[in-house]
Amino acid sequence: MVRPRICRRLLFKPKAHYFKPQGIPMRHLEEVFLTKEEMEAVKLKDYDNLEQTEAAEKMKTSQSTFQRILSSARAKIAEAIVKGKALKIEE
């Protein structure tokens, strides 16, 4: 039996939900999907420059869970940049 997901506090609403390499038609691109949680973690840690413990408190999650979410987000962003893939942020 799967444990129910905990609701996390997500306050950030991105202005854009899609990023792609310039000059490459969409039909030639693979997509990488970033969840709302991952986007919130990147914003809190990298944009707002909060410590992980502060950011985890804002998201109402543990520091270890926050670290896991952040690592996943950074890996996806790196994959999109390095491999020239489109990055879609969950709405």
PDB file of N, CA and C in Angstrom:
ATOM      1  N   MET A   1       0.840  -1.183   0.000  1.00  0.00           N
ATOM      2  CA  MET A   1       0.000   0.000   0.000  1.00  0.00           C
ATOM      3  C   MET A   1       0.884   1.245   0.000  1.00  0.00           C
ATOM      4  N   VAL A   2       0.597   2.164  -0.862  1.00  0.00           N
ATOM      5  CA  VAL A   2       1.396   3.373  -1.002  1.00  0.00           C
ATOM      6  C   VAL A   2       0.989   4.404   0.040  1.00  0.00           C
ATOM      7  N   ARG A   3       1.995   5.043   0.609  1.00  0.00           N
ATOM      8  CA  ARG A   3       1.736   6.092   1.590  1.00  0.00           C
ATOM      9  C   ARG A   3       1.166   7.322   0.890  1.00  0.00           C
ATOM     10  N   PRO A   4       0.151   7.975   1.469  1.00  0.00           N
ATOM     11  CA  PRO A   4      -0.419   9.163   0.811  1.00  0.00           C
ATOM     12  C   PRO A   4       0.604  10.297   0.761  1.00  0.00           C
ATOM     13  N   ARG A   5       0.557  11.085  -0.333  1.00  0.00           N
ATOM     14  CA  ARG A   5       1.475  12.210  -0.493  1.00  0.00           C
ATOM     15  C   ARG A   5       1.130  13.323   0.473  1.00  0.00           C
ATOM     16  N   ILE A   6       2.149  13.931   1.017  1.00  0.00           N
ATOM     17  CA  ILE A   6       1.975  15.056   1.925  1.00  0.00           C
ATOM     18  C   ILE A   6       1.835  16.324   1.098  1.00  0.00           C
ATOM     19  N   CYS A   7       0.898  17.166   1.458  1.00  0.00           N
ATOM     20  CA  CYS A   7       0.749  18.444   0.768  1.00  0.00           C
ATOM     21  C   CYS A   7       1.862  19.378   1.205  1.00  0.00           C
ATOM     22  N   ARG A   8       2.563  19.898   0.232  1.00  0.00           N
ATOM     23  CA  ARG A   8       3.633  20.851   0.523  1.00  0.00           C
ATOM     24  C   ARG A   8       3.164  22.233   0.138  1.00  0.00           C
ATOM     25  N   ARG A   9       3.726  23.232   0.790  1.00  0.00           N
ATOM     26  CA  ARG A   9       3.348  24.613   0.509  1.00  0.00           C
ATOM     27  C   ARG A   9       4.104  25.084  -0.732  1.00  0.00           C
ATOM     28  N   LEU A  10       3.349  25.447  -1.761  1.00  0.00           N
ATOM     29  CA  LEU A  10       3.922  25.948  -2.998  1.00  0.00           C
ATOM     30  C   LEU A  10       3.356  27.340  -3.249  1.00  0.00           C
ATOM     31  N   LEU A  11       4.208  28.346  -3.162  1.00  0.00           N
ATOM     32  CA  LEU A  11       3.754  29.726  -3.296  1.00  0.00           C
ATOM     33  C   LEU A  11       4.130  30.363  -4.632  1.00  0.00           C
ATOM     34  N   PHE A  12       5.167  29.853  -5.268  1.00  0.00           N
ATOM     35  CA  PHE A  12       5.685  30.462  -6.484  1.00  0.00           C
ATOM     36  C   PHE A  12       4.870  30.050  -7.700  1.00  0.00           C
ATOM     37  N   LYS A  13       4.489  31.035  -8.501  1.00  0.00           N
ATOM     38  CA  LYS A  13       3.797  30.777  -9.758  1.00  0.00           C
ATOM     39  C   LYS A  13       4.642  31.369 -10.887  1.00  0.00           C
ATOM     40  N   PRO A  14       5.313  30.516 -11.669  1.00  0.00           N
ATOM     41  CA  PRO A  14       6.191  31.031 -12.725  1.00  0.00           C
ATOM     42  C   PRO A  14       5.415  31.757 -13.822  1.00  0.00           C
ATOM     43  N   LYS A  15       6.043  32.777 -14.408  1.00  0.00           N
ATOM     44  CA  LYS A  15       5.419  33.538 -15.493  1.00  0.00           C
ATOM     45  C   LYS A  15       5.456  32.765 -16.798  1.00  0.00           C
ATOM     46  N   ALA A  16       6.452  31.926 -16.974  1.00  0.00           N
ATOM     47  CA  ALA A  16       6.575  31.095 -18.173  1.00  0.00           C
ATOM     48  C   ALA A  16       6.608  29.628 -17.734  1.00  0.00           C
ATOM     49  N   HIS A  17       6.035  28.780 -18.553  1.00  0.00           N
ATOM     50  CA  HIS A  17       5.988  27.362 -18.218  1.00  0.00           C
ATOM     51  C   HIS A  17       6.756  26.505 -19.210  1.00  0.00           C
ATOM     52  N   TYR A  18       7.450  27.154 -20.140  1.00  0.00           N
ATOM     53  CA  TYR A  18       8.137  26.403 -21.172  1.00  0.00           C
ATOM     54  C   TYR A  18       9.386  27.132 -21.622  1.00  0.00           C
ATOM     55  N   PHE A  19      10.482  26.406 -21.721  1.00  0.00           N
ATOM     56  CA  PHE A  19      11.738  26.954 -22.230  1.00  0.00           C
ATOM     57  C   PHE A  19      12.301  25.967 -23.231  1.00  0.00           C
ATOM     58  N   LYS A  20      12.795  26.496 -24.347  1.00  0.00           N
ATOM     59  CA  LYS A  20      13.356  25.612 -25.366  1.00  0.00           C
ATOM     60  C   LYS A  20      14.552  26.284 -26.019  1.00  0.00           C
ATOM     61  N   PRO A  21      15.438  25.485 -26.607  1.00  0.00           N
ATOM     62  CA  PRO A  21      16.565  26.055 -27.320  1.00  0.00           C
ATOM     63  C   PRO A  21      16.084  26.865 -28.529  1.00  0.00           C
ATOM     64  N   GLN A  22      16.726  27.973 -28.752  1.00  0.00           N
ATOM     65  CA  GLN A  22      16.354  28.850 -29.866  1.00  0.00           C
ATOM     66  C   GLN A  22      16.733  28.202 -31.197  1.00  0.00           C
ATOM     67  N   GLY A  23      15.872  28.367 -32.173  1.00  0.00           N
ATOM     68  CA  GLY A  23      16.176  27.941 -33.530  1.00  0.00           C
ATOM     69  C   GLY A  23      15.928  26.477 -33.830  1.00  0.00           C
ATOM     70  N   ILE A  24      15.422  25.718 -32.883  1.00  0.00           N
ATOM     71  CA  ILE A  24      15.125  24.304 -33.114  1.00  0.00           C
ATOM     72  C   ILE A  24      13.619  24.120 -33.020  1.00  0.00           C
ATOM     73  N   PRO A  25      12.983  23.623 -34.083  1.00  0.00           N
ATOM     74  CA  PRO A  25      11.530  23.419 -34.040  1.00  0.00           C
ATOM     75  C   PRO A  25      11.134  22.403 -32.962  1.00  0.00           C
ATOM     76  N   MET A  26       9.979  22.623 -32.365  1.00  0.00           N
ATOM     77  CA  MET A  26       9.489  21.745 -31.288  1.00  0.00           C
ATOM     78  C   MET A  26       9.417  20.284 -31.712  1.00  0.00           C
ATOM     79  N   ARG A  27       9.106  20.034 -32.964  1.00  0.00           N
ATOM     80  CA  ARG A  27       8.955  18.634 -33.392  1.00  0.00           C
ATOM     81  C   ARG A  27      10.274  17.859 -33.322  1.00  0.00           C
ATOM     82  N   HIS A  28      11.398  18.583 -33.217  1.00  0.00           N
ATOM     83  CA  HIS A  28      12.704  17.937 -33.146  1.00  0.00           C
ATOM     84  C   HIS A  28      13.241  17.856 -31.714  1.00  0.00           C
ATOM     85  N   LEU A  29      12.477  18.347 -30.746  1.00  0.00           N
ATOM     86  CA  LEU A  29      12.960  18.410 -29.370  1.00  0.00           C
ATOM     87  C   LEU A  29      12.310  17.374 -28.458  1.00  0.00           C
ATOM     88  N   GLU A  30      13.125  16.833 -27.572  1.00  0.00           N
ATOM     89  CA  GLU A  30      12.590  16.036 -26.469  1.00  0.00           C
ATOM     90  C   GLU A  30      12.293  17.000 -25.329  1.00  0.00           C
ATOM     91  N   GLU A  31      11.406  16.587 -24.411  1.00  0.00           N
ATOM     92  CA  GLU A  31      11.037  17.445 -23.288  1.00  0.00           C
ATOM     93  C   GLU A  31      11.523  16.850 -21.970  1.00  0.00           C
ATOM     94  N   VAL A  32      11.854  17.741 -21.060  1.00  0.00           N
ATOM     95  CA  VAL A  32      12.158  17.378 -19.672  1.00  0.00           C
ATOM     96  C   VAL A  32      11.092  18.069 -18.834  1.00  0.00           C
ATOM     97  N   PHE A  33      10.436  17.327 -17.946  1.00  0.00           N
ATOM     98  CA  PHE A  33       9.341  17.875 -17.149  1.00  0.00           C
ATOM     99  C   PHE A  33       9.809  18.183 -15.727  1.00  0.00           C
ATOM    100  N   LEU A  34       9.559  19.414 -15.299  1.00  0.00           N
ATOM    101  CA  LEU A  34       9.905  19.874 -13.955  1.00  0.00           C
ATOM    102  C   LEU A  34       8.605  20.033 -13.170  1.00  0.00           C
ATOM    103  N   THR A  35       8.514  19.389 -12.006  1.00  0.00           N
ATOM    104  CA  THR A  35       7.289  19.478 -11.210  1.00  0.00           C
ATOM    105  C   THR A  35       7.211  20.830 -10.497  1.00  0.00           C
ATOM    106  N   LYS A  36       6.031  21.149  -9.990  1.00  0.00           N
ATOM    107  CA  LYS A  36       5.844  22.385  -9.221  1.00  0.00           C
ATOM    108  C   LYS A  36       6.756  22.402  -7.995  1.00  0.00           C
ATOM    109  N   GLU A  37       6.863  21.266  -7.335  1.00  0.00           N
ATOM    110  CA  GLU A  37       7.717  21.162  -6.147  1.00  0.00           C
ATOM    111  C   GLU A  37       9.174  21.435  -6.492  1.00  0.00           C
ATOM    112  N   GLU A  38       9.631  20.870  -7.601  1.00  0.00           N
ATOM    113  CA  GLU A  38      11.019  21.075  -8.020  1.00  0.00           C
ATOM    114  C   GLU A  38      11.272  22.539  -8.358  1.00  0.00           C
ATOM    115  N   MET A  39      10.334  23.177  -9.026  1.00  0.00           N
ATOM    116  CA  MET A  39      10.484  24.591  -9.371  1.00  0.00           C
ATOM    117  C   MET A  39      10.522  25.452  -8.112  1.00  0.00           C
ATOM    118  N   GLU A  40       9.665  25.145  -7.157  1.00  0.00           N
ATOM    119  CA  GLU A  40       9.640  25.884  -5.889  1.00  0.00           C
ATOM    120  C   GLU A  40      10.977  25.726  -5.148  1.00  0.00           C
ATOM    121  N   ALA A  41      11.523  24.521  -5.133  1.00  0.00           N
ATOM    122  CA  ALA A  41      12.795  24.275  -4.455  1.00  0.00           C
ATOM    123  C   ALA A  41      13.932  25.068  -5.098  1.00  0.00           C
ATOM    124  N   VAL A  42      13.995  25.081  -6.423  1.00  0.00           N
ATOM    125  CA  VAL A  42      15.029  25.840  -7.131  1.00  0.00           C
ATOM    126  C   VAL A  42      14.883  27.331  -6.839  1.00  0.00           C
ATOM    127  N   LYS A  43      13.666  27.818  -6.846  1.00  0.00           N
ATOM    128  CA  LYS A  43      13.429  29.234  -6.581  1.00  0.00           C
ATOM    129  C   LYS A  43      13.889  29.612  -5.173  1.00  0.00           C
ATOM    130  N   LEU A  44      13.490  28.820  -4.174  1.00  0.00           N
ATOM    131  CA  LEU A  44      13.834  29.137  -2.792  1.00  0.00           C
ATOM    132  C   LEU A  44      15.340  29.060  -2.539  1.00  0.00           C
ATOM    133  N   LYS A  45      15.979  28.029  -3.052  1.00  0.00           N
ATOM    134  CA  LYS A  45      17.403  27.828  -2.771  1.00  0.00           C
ATOM    135  C   LYS A  45      18.302  28.690  -3.658  1.00  0.00           C
ATOM    136  N   ASP A  46      18.076  28.670  -4.960  1.00  0.00           N
ATOM    137  CA  ASP A  46      18.995  29.315  -5.890  1.00  0.00           C
ATOM    138  C   ASP A  46      18.637  30.766  -6.201  1.00  0.00           C
ATOM    139  N   TYR A  47      17.373  31.090  -6.264  1.00  0.00           N
ATOM    140  CA  TYR A  47      16.971  32.467  -6.587  1.00  0.00           C
ATOM    141  C   TYR A  47      16.861  33.320  -5.319  1.00  0.00           C
ATOM    142  N   ASP A  48      16.131  32.801  -4.316  1.00  0.00           N
ATOM    143  CA  ASP A  48      15.966  33.542  -3.062  1.00  0.00           C
ATOM    144  C   ASP A  48      17.186  33.397  -2.142  1.00  0.00           C
ATOM    145  N   ASN A  49      18.073  32.461  -2.478  1.00  0.00           N
ATOM    146  CA  ASN A  49      19.318  32.241  -1.749  1.00  0.00           C
ATOM    147  C   ASN A  49      19.097  31.890  -0.269  1.00  0.00           C
ATOM    148  N   LEU A  50      18.090  31.069  -0.004  1.00  0.00           N
ATOM    149  CA  LEU A  50      17.823  30.625   1.370  1.00  0.00           C
ATOM    150  C   LEU A  50      18.655  29.397   1.699  1.00  0.00           C
ATOM    151  N   GLU A  51      18.919  29.203   2.977  1.00  0.00           N
ATOM    152  CA  GLU A  51      19.547  27.961   3.423  1.00  0.00           C
ATOM    153  C   GLU A  51      18.536  26.830   3.237  1.00  0.00           C
ATOM    154  N   GLN A  52      19.036  25.603   3.116  1.00  0.00           N
ATOM    155  CA  GLN A  52      18.132  24.474   2.898  1.00  0.00           C
ATOM    156  C   GLN A  52      17.125  24.308   4.030  1.00  0.00           C
ATOM    157  N   THR A  53      17.545  24.535   5.261  1.00  0.00           N
ATOM    158  CA  THR A  53      16.618  24.369   6.382  1.00  0.00           C
ATOM    159  C   THR A  53      15.492  25.405   6.310  1.00  0.00           C
ATOM    160  N   GLU A  54      15.832  26.649   5.958  1.00  0.00           N
ATOM    161  CA  GLU A  54      14.807  27.693   5.820  1.00  0.00           C
ATOM    162  C   GLU A  54      13.849  27.367   4.675  1.00  0.00           C
ATOM    163  N   ALA A  55      14.416  26.957   3.550  1.00  0.00           N
ATOM    164  CA  ALA A  55      13.605  26.627   2.383  1.00  0.00           C
ATOM    165  C   ALA A  55      12.691  25.439   2.672  1.00  0.00           C
ATOM    166  N   ALA A  56      13.213  24.438   3.356  1.00  0.00           N
ATOM    167  CA  ALA A  56      12.405  23.266   3.716  1.00  0.00           C
ATOM    168  C   ALA A  56      11.243  23.669   4.624  1.00  0.00           C
ATOM    169  N   GLU A  57      11.494  24.564   5.568  1.00  0.00           N
ATOM    170  CA  GLU A  57      10.422  25.049   6.445  1.00  0.00           C
ATOM    171  C   GLU A  57       9.348  25.771   5.638  1.00  0.00           C
ATOM    172  N   LYS A  58       9.768  26.597   4.674  1.00  0.00           N
ATOM    173  CA  LYS A  58       8.795  27.315   3.847  1.00  0.00           C
ATOM    174  C   LYS A  58       7.937  26.356   3.031  1.00  0.00           C
ATOM    175  N   MET A  59       8.528  25.242   2.590  1.00  0.00           N
ATOM    176  CA  MET A  59       7.781  24.251   1.815  1.00  0.00           C
ATOM    177  C   MET A  59       7.051  23.252   2.713  1.00  0.00           C
ATOM    178  N   LYS A  60       7.239  23.370   4.025  1.00  0.00           N
ATOM    179  CA  LYS A  60       6.624  22.450   4.994  1.00  0.00           C
ATOM    180  C   LYS A  60       7.038  21.001   4.722  1.00  0.00           C
ATOM    181  N   THR A  61       8.350  20.813   4.609  1.00  0.00           N
ATOM    182  CA  THR A  61       8.894  19.479   4.382  1.00  0.00           C
ATOM    183  C   THR A  61      10.189  19.340   5.183  1.00  0.00           C
ATOM    184  N   SER A  62      10.704  18.145   5.270  1.00  0.00           N
ATOM    185  CA  SER A  62      11.968  17.941   5.984  1.00  0.00           C
ATOM    186  C   SER A  62      13.128  18.414   5.116  1.00  0.00           C
ATOM    187  N   GLN A  63      14.251  18.660   5.748  1.00  0.00           N
ATOM    188  CA  GLN A  63      15.435  19.115   5.013  1.00  0.00           C
ATOM    189  C   GLN A  63      15.909  18.034   4.047  1.00  0.00           C
ATOM    190  N   SER A  64      15.844  16.778   4.448  1.00  0.00           N
ATOM    191  CA  SER A  64      16.294  15.696   3.564  1.00  0.00           C
ATOM    192  C   SER A  64      15.385  15.554   2.343  1.00  0.00           C
ATOM    193  N   THR A  65      14.082  15.715   2.531  1.00  0.00           N
ATOM    194  CA  THR A  65      13.155  15.669   1.401  1.00  0.00           C
ATOM    195  C   THR A  65      13.382  16.862   0.484  1.00  0.00           C
ATOM    196  N   PHE A  66      13.612  18.030   1.070  1.00  0.00           N
ATOM    197  CA  PHE A  66      13.907  19.215   0.270  1.00  0.00           C
ATOM    198  C   PHE A  66      15.161  18.978  -0.573  1.00  0.00           C
ATOM    199  N   GLN A  67      16.197  18.402   0.013  1.00  0.00           N
ATOM    200  CA  GLN A  67      17.439  18.119  -0.713  1.00  0.00           C
ATOM    201  C   GLN A  67      17.183  17.174  -1.883  1.00  0.00           C
ATOM    202  N   ARG A  68      16.363  16.160  -1.668  1.00  0.00           N
ATOM    203  CA  ARG A  68      16.035  15.208  -2.730  1.00  0.00           C
ATOM    204  C   ARG A  68      15.308  15.898  -3.875  1.00  0.00           C
ATOM    205  N   ILE A  69      14.335  16.750  -3.544  1.00  0.00           N
ATOM    206  CA  ILE A  69      13.579  17.490  -4.562  1.00  0.00           C
ATOM    207  C   ILE A  69      14.504  18.423  -5.341  1.00  0.00           C
ATOM    208  N   LEU A  70      15.367  19.137  -4.627  1.00  0.00           N
ATOM    209  CA  LEU A  70      16.294  20.079  -5.254  1.00  0.00           C
ATOM    210  C   LEU A  70      17.285  19.360  -6.170  1.00  0.00           C
ATOM    211  N   SER A  71      17.813  18.239  -5.730  1.00  0.00           N
ATOM    212  CA  SER A  71      18.750  17.470  -6.553  1.00  0.00           C
ATOM    213  C   SER A  71      18.092  16.988  -7.834  1.00  0.00           C
ATOM    214  N   SER A  72      16.868  16.524  -7.720  1.00  0.00           N
ATOM    215  CA  SER A  72      16.122  16.073  -8.889  1.00  0.00           C
ATOM    216  C   SER A  72      15.905  17.222  -9.874  1.00  0.00           C
ATOM    217  N   ALA A  73      15.531  18.388  -9.362  1.00  0.00           N
ATOM    218  CA  ALA A  73      15.296  19.561 -10.209  1.00  0.00           C
ATOM    219  C   ALA A  73      16.571  19.984 -10.918  1.00  0.00           C
ATOM    220  N   ARG A  74      17.661  20.051 -10.193  1.00  0.00           N
ATOM    221  CA  ARG A  74      18.928  20.474 -10.797  1.00  0.00           C
ATOM    222  C   ARG A  74      19.396  19.499 -11.861  1.00  0.00           C
ATOM    223  N   ALA A  75      19.188  18.209 -11.640  1.00  0.00           N
ATOM    224  CA  ALA A  75      19.574  17.205 -12.638  1.00  0.00           C
ATOM    225  C   ALA A  75      18.751  17.375 -13.918  1.00  0.00           C
ATOM    226  N   LYS A  76      17.459  17.640 -13.766  1.00  0.00           N
ATOM    227  CA  LYS A  76      16.597  17.830 -14.934  1.00  0.00           C
ATOM    228  C   LYS A  76      16.969  19.096 -15.700  1.00  0.00           C
ATOM    229  N   ILE A  77      17.245  20.177 -14.980  1.00  0.00           N
ATOM    230  CA  ILE A  77      17.635  21.428 -15.625  1.00  0.00           C
ATOM    231  C   ILE A  77      18.956  21.244 -16.368  1.00  0.00           C
ATOM    232  N   ALA A  78      19.909  20.571 -15.739  1.00  0.00           N
ATOM    233  CA  ALA A  78      21.197  20.315 -16.374  1.00  0.00           C
ATOM    234  C   ALA A  78      21.027  19.470 -17.634  1.00  0.00           C
ATOM    235  N   GLU A  79      20.177  18.450 -17.567  1.00  0.00           N
ATOM    236  CA  GLU A  79      19.927  17.599 -18.732  1.00  0.00           C
ATOM    237  C   GLU A  79      19.358  18.418 -19.886  1.00  0.00           C
ATOM    238  N   ALA A  80      18.403  19.296 -19.587  1.00  0.00           N
ATOM    239  CA  ALA A  80      17.787  20.122 -20.630  1.00  0.00           C
ATOM    240  C   ALA A  80      18.820  21.036 -21.280  1.00  0.00           C
ATOM    241  N   ILE A  81      19.691  21.630 -20.481  1.00  0.00           N
ATOM    242  CA  ILE A  81      20.692  22.550 -21.024  1.00  0.00           C
ATOM    243  C   ILE A  81      21.763  21.793 -21.807  1.00  0.00           C
ATOM    244  N   VAL A  82      22.320  20.756 -21.217  1.00  0.00           N
ATOM    245  CA  VAL A  82      23.429  20.032 -21.835  1.00  0.00           C
ATOM    246  C   VAL A  82      23.007  19.293 -23.108  1.00  0.00           C
ATOM    247  N   LYS A  83      21.829  18.685 -23.074  1.00  0.00           N
ATOM    248  CA  LYS A  83      21.388  17.880 -24.222  1.00  0.00           C
ATOM    249  C   LYS A  83      20.489  18.652 -25.178  1.00  0.00           C
ATOM    250  N   GLY A  84      20.257  19.939 -24.909  1.00  0.00           N
ATOM    251  CA  GLY A  84      19.443  20.757 -25.804  1.00  0.00           C
ATOM    252  C   GLY A  84      17.995  20.329 -25.865  1.00  0.00           C
ATOM    253  N   LYS A  85      17.415  20.020 -24.729  1.00  0.00           N
ATOM    254  CA  LYS A  85      16.015  19.600 -24.659  1.00  0.00           C
ATOM    255  C   LYS A  85      15.152  20.750 -24.182  1.00  0.00           C
ATOM    256  N   ALA A  86      13.845  20.648 -24.460  1.00  0.00           N
ATOM    257  CA  ALA A  86      12.892  21.647 -23.966  1.00  0.00           C
ATOM    258  C   ALA A  86      12.599  21.364 -22.499  1.00  0.00           C
ATOM    259  N   LEU A  87      12.381  22.405 -21.721  1.00  0.00           N
ATOM    260  CA  LEU A  87      12.073  22.279 -20.303  1.00  0.00           C
ATOM    261  C   LEU A  87      10.648  22.758 -20.060  1.00  0.00           C
ATOM    262  N   LYS A  88       9.798  21.844 -19.608  1.00  0.00           N
ATOM    263  CA  LYS A  88       8.398  22.186 -19.352  1.00  0.00           C
ATOM    264  C   LYS A  88       8.153  22.150 -17.852  1.00  0.00           C
ATOM    265  N   ILE A  89       7.610  23.269 -17.333  1.00  0.00           N
ATOM    266  CA  ILE A  89       7.285  23.367 -15.913  1.00  0.00           C
ATOM    267  C   ILE A  89       5.803  23.051 -15.738  1.00  0.00           C
ATOM    268  N   GLU A  90       5.509  22.114 -14.881  1.00  0.00           N
ATOM    269  CA  GLU A  90       4.134  21.693 -14.591  1.00  0.00           C
ATOM    270  C   GLU A  90       3.290  22.907 -14.178  1.00  0.00           C
ATOM    271  N   GLU A  91       2.092  22.985 -14.715  1.00  0.00           N
ATOM    272  CA  GLU A  91       1.196  24.116 -14.368  1.00  0.00           C
ATOM    273  C   GLU A  91       0.270  23.755 -13.242  1.00  0.00           C
TER     274      GLU A  91
END
